[in-house]
Amino acid sequence: MQFEMTSTVFNCRKMTIEGRTFCSVITGQAPVGDNSGTLGYEVTKISAEPGIFDQLKQEGYQPGQPPRDFKLVAMLKTAAGGKSQPHIIGVVPSQKAANSPDAKSKPAG
């Protein structure tokens, strides 16, 4: 099952260990509901496909940049103890290009 989620991305890290490449994304969101025990953001480390690193770079996310919201595509994976956890498999491209009309598509006047 795939789903989209919007999250503030604080960090994305890609590393290669013994020939295998791993990626993780540190996200945050404002506390939801009765989470009175949390001040600031709830921060979560989520595993990701290695290509997420490059997809975030294509979206303009750079080192030292302040945290930014992204729409992420995730799926549930089985974790320890039979629990499920999200695993990020894609970044939804921003709509910057779609918001600016193409000059050729304007009617001639």
C-alpha atoms as a PDB file:
ATOM      1  CA  MET A   1       0.000   0.000   0.000  1.00  0.00           C
ATOM      2  CA  GLN A   2       1.412   3.370  -1.063  1.00  0.00           C
ATOM      3  CA  PHE A   3       0.398   6.715   0.381  1.00  0.00           C
ATOM      4  CA  GLU A   4       1.428  10.370   0.183  1.00  0.00           C
ATOM      5  CA  MET A   5       2.472  12.372   3.202  1.00  0.00           C
ATOM      6  CA  THR A   6       3.582  15.962   3.553  1.00  0.00           C
ATOM      7  CA  SER A   7       6.438  16.365   5.986  1.00  0.00           C
ATOM      8  CA  THR A   8       9.079  18.899   6.893  1.00  0.00           C
ATOM      9  CA  VAL A   9      12.418  17.433   5.793  1.00  0.00           C
ATOM     10  CA  PHE A  10      15.297  18.341   8.111  1.00  0.00           C
ATOM     11  CA  ASN A  11      17.911  16.013   6.681  1.00  0.00           C
ATOM     12  CA  CYS A  12      18.495  13.272   4.130  1.00  0.00           C
ATOM     13  CA  ARG A  13      21.504  11.025   4.427  1.00  0.00           C
ATOM     14  CA  LYS A  14      22.804   8.436   1.968  1.00  0.00           C
ATOM     15  CA  MET A  15      25.638   6.092   2.920  1.00  0.00           C
ATOM     16  CA  THR A  16      27.295   3.001   1.512  1.00  0.00           C
ATOM     17  CA  ILE A  17      28.360   0.295   3.945  1.00  0.00           C
ATOM     18  CA  GLU A  18      30.123  -2.847   2.707  1.00  0.00           C
ATOM     19  CA  GLY A  19      28.832  -2.281  -0.821  1.00  0.00           C
ATOM     20  CA  ARG A  20      25.181  -1.693   0.174  1.00  0.00           C
ATOM     21  CA  THR A  21      23.653   1.790  -0.098  1.00  0.00           C
ATOM     22  CA  PHE A  22      21.221   2.973   2.554  1.00  0.00           C
ATOM     23  CA  CYS A  23      19.230   6.180   2.872  1.00  0.00           C
ATOM     24  CA  SER A  24      17.248   7.796   5.669  1.00  0.00           C
ATOM     25  CA  VAL A  25      15.225  10.986   5.965  1.00  0.00           C
ATOM     26  CA  ILE A  26      14.753  12.968   9.165  1.00  0.00           C
ATOM     27  CA  THR A  27      11.288  14.543   9.135  1.00  0.00           C
ATOM     28  CA  GLY A  28       9.266  16.584  11.561  1.00  0.00           C
ATOM     29  CA  GLN A  29       5.717  17.691  12.071  1.00  0.00           C
ATOM     30  CA  ALA A  30       3.799  19.751  14.572  1.00  0.00           C
ATOM     31  CA  PRO A  31       2.282  17.639  17.352  1.00  0.00           C
ATOM     32  CA  VAL A  32      -1.200  16.363  16.518  1.00  0.00           C
ATOM     33  CA  GLY A  33      -4.004  15.889  19.014  1.00  0.00           C
ATOM     34  CA  ASP A  34      -3.367  15.761  22.724  1.00  0.00           C
ATOM     35  CA  ASN A  35       0.428  15.550  22.549  1.00  0.00           C
ATOM     36  CA  SER A  36       0.890  18.095  25.304  1.00  0.00           C
ATOM     37  CA  GLY A  37       4.173  16.416  26.219  1.00  0.00           C
ATOM     38  CA  THR A  38       5.843  17.670  23.027  1.00  0.00           C
ATOM     39  CA  LEU A  39       7.171  21.188  22.441  1.00  0.00           C
ATOM     40  CA  GLY A  40       8.304  22.035  18.930  1.00  0.00           C
ATOM     41  CA  TYR A  41       8.338  19.362  16.231  1.00  0.00           C
ATOM     42  CA  GLU A  42       7.921  15.616  16.562  1.00  0.00           C
ATOM     43  CA  VAL A  43      11.045  14.345  14.792  1.00  0.00           C
ATOM     44  CA  THR A  44      11.146  10.964  13.038  1.00  0.00           C
ATOM     45  CA  LYS A  45      13.864   9.033  11.195  1.00  0.00           C
ATOM     46  CA  ILE A  46      12.357   7.153   8.237  1.00  0.00           C
ATOM     47  CA  SER A  47      14.173   4.694   5.974  1.00  0.00           C
ATOM     48  CA  ALA A  48      14.161   5.560   2.276  1.00  0.00           C
ATOM     49  CA  GLU A  49      15.219   4.282  -1.114  1.00  0.00           C
ATOM     50  CA  PRO A  50      18.702   5.623  -2.028  1.00  0.00           C
ATOM     51  CA  GLY A  51      17.243   7.549  -5.008  1.00  0.00           C
ATOM     52  CA  ILE A  52      15.377   9.850  -2.592  1.00  0.00           C
ATOM     53  CA  PHE A  53      18.653  11.673  -1.945  1.00  0.00           C
ATOM     54  CA  ASP A  54      18.951  12.615  -5.634  1.00  0.00           C
ATOM     55  CA  GLN A  55      15.229  13.402  -5.956  1.00  0.00           C
ATOM     56  CA  LEU A  56      15.462  15.914  -3.090  1.00  0.00           C
ATOM     57  CA  LYS A  57      18.520  17.489  -4.774  1.00  0.00           C
ATOM     58  CA  GLN A  58      16.518  17.802  -8.030  1.00  0.00           C
ATOM     59  CA  GLU A  59      13.816  19.610  -6.057  1.00  0.00           C
ATOM     60  CA  GLY A  60      16.438  22.165  -4.970  1.00  0.00           C
ATOM     61  CA  TYR A  61      17.135  20.943  -1.442  1.00  0.00           C
ATOM     62  CA  GLN A  62      20.764  21.803  -0.644  1.00  0.00           C
ATOM     63  CA  PRO A  63      23.175  21.392   2.292  1.00  0.00           C
ATOM     64  CA  GLY A  64      22.679  24.031   4.967  1.00  0.00           C
ATOM     65  CA  GLN A  65      19.219  24.923   3.694  1.00  0.00           C
ATOM     66  CA  PRO A  66      16.483  25.441   6.308  1.00  0.00           C
ATOM     67  CA  PRO A  67      13.952  22.614   6.701  1.00  0.00           C
ATOM     68  CA  ARG A  68      11.311  22.547   3.961  1.00  0.00           C
ATOM     69  CA  ASP A  69       7.998  20.780   3.340  1.00  0.00           C
ATOM     70  CA  PHE A  70       7.920  18.039   0.712  1.00  0.00           C
ATOM     71  CA  LYS A  71       5.251  15.627  -0.433  1.00  0.00           C
ATOM     72  CA  LEU A  72       6.699  12.151  -0.036  1.00  0.00           C
ATOM     73  CA  VAL A  73       5.417   8.826  -1.339  1.00  0.00           C
ATOM     74  CA  ALA A  74       5.775   6.022   1.187  1.00  0.00           C
ATOM     75  CA  MET A  75       4.762   2.425   1.659  1.00  0.00           C
ATOM     76  CA  LEU A  76       4.371   0.353   4.792  1.00  0.00           C
ATOM     77  CA  LYS A  77       7.053  -2.231   5.489  1.00  0.00           C
ATOM     78  CA  THR A  78       7.101  -4.878   8.171  1.00  0.00           C
ATOM     79  CA  ALA A  79       9.372  -3.997  11.068  1.00  0.00           C
ATOM     80  CA  ALA A  80      10.553  -5.829  14.169  1.00  0.00           C
ATOM     81  CA  GLY A  81       7.831  -7.376  16.267  1.00  0.00           C
ATOM     82  CA  GLY A  82       5.419  -7.583  13.330  1.00  0.00           C
ATOM     83  CA  LYS A  83       4.775  -3.842  13.391  1.00  0.00           C
ATOM     84  CA  SER A  84       4.535  -1.679  10.274  1.00  0.00           C
ATOM     85  CA  GLN A  85       6.587   1.411   9.555  1.00  0.00           C
ATOM     86  CA  PRO A  86       6.765   3.806   6.606  1.00  0.00           C
ATOM     87  CA  HIS A  87       9.538   3.537   4.001  1.00  0.00           C
ATOM     88  CA  ILE A  88       9.928   6.475   1.599  1.00  0.00           C
ATOM     89  CA  ILE A  89       9.956   5.448  -2.066  1.00  0.00           C
ATOM     90  CA  GLY A  90       9.540   8.781  -3.880  1.00  0.00           C
ATOM     91  CA  VAL A  91       9.309  12.567  -3.796  1.00  0.00           C
ATOM     92  CA  VAL A  92       6.326  14.180  -5.511  1.00  0.00           C
ATOM     93  CA  PRO A  93       7.749  16.786  -7.950  1.00  0.00           C
ATOM     94  CA  SER A  94       6.877  20.401  -7.166  1.00  0.00           C
ATOM     95  CA  GLN A  95       4.400  22.163  -9.420  1.00  0.00           C
ATOM     96  CA  LYS A  96       6.606  25.198 -10.210  1.00  0.00           C
ATOM     97  CA  ALA A  97       6.599  24.513 -13.953  1.00  0.00           C
ATOM     98  CA  ALA A  98       2.852  23.828 -14.008  1.00  0.00           C
ATOM     99  CA  ASN A  99       2.088  27.219 -12.432  1.00  0.00           C
ATOM    100  CA  SER A 100       3.838  29.239 -15.140  1.00  0.00           C
ATOM    101  CA  PRO A 101       1.960  29.192 -18.461  1.00  0.00           C
ATOM    102  CA  ASP A 102       3.899  28.355 -21.604  1.00  0.00           C
ATOM    103  CA  ALA A 103       4.271  31.289 -23.973  1.00  0.00           C
ATOM    104  CA  LYS A 104       3.348  29.096 -26.985  1.00  0.00           C
ATOM    105  CA  SER A 105      -0.003  28.161 -25.476  1.00  0.00           C
ATOM    106  CA  LYS A 106      -1.207  31.786 -25.319  1.00  0.00           C
ATOM    107  CA  PRO A 107      -3.670  32.697 -28.068  1.00  0.00           C
ATOM    108  CA  ALA A 108      -2.353  35.122 -30.671  1.00  0.00           C
ATOM    109  CA  GLY A 109      -4.052  38.469 -30.323  1.00  0.00           C
END
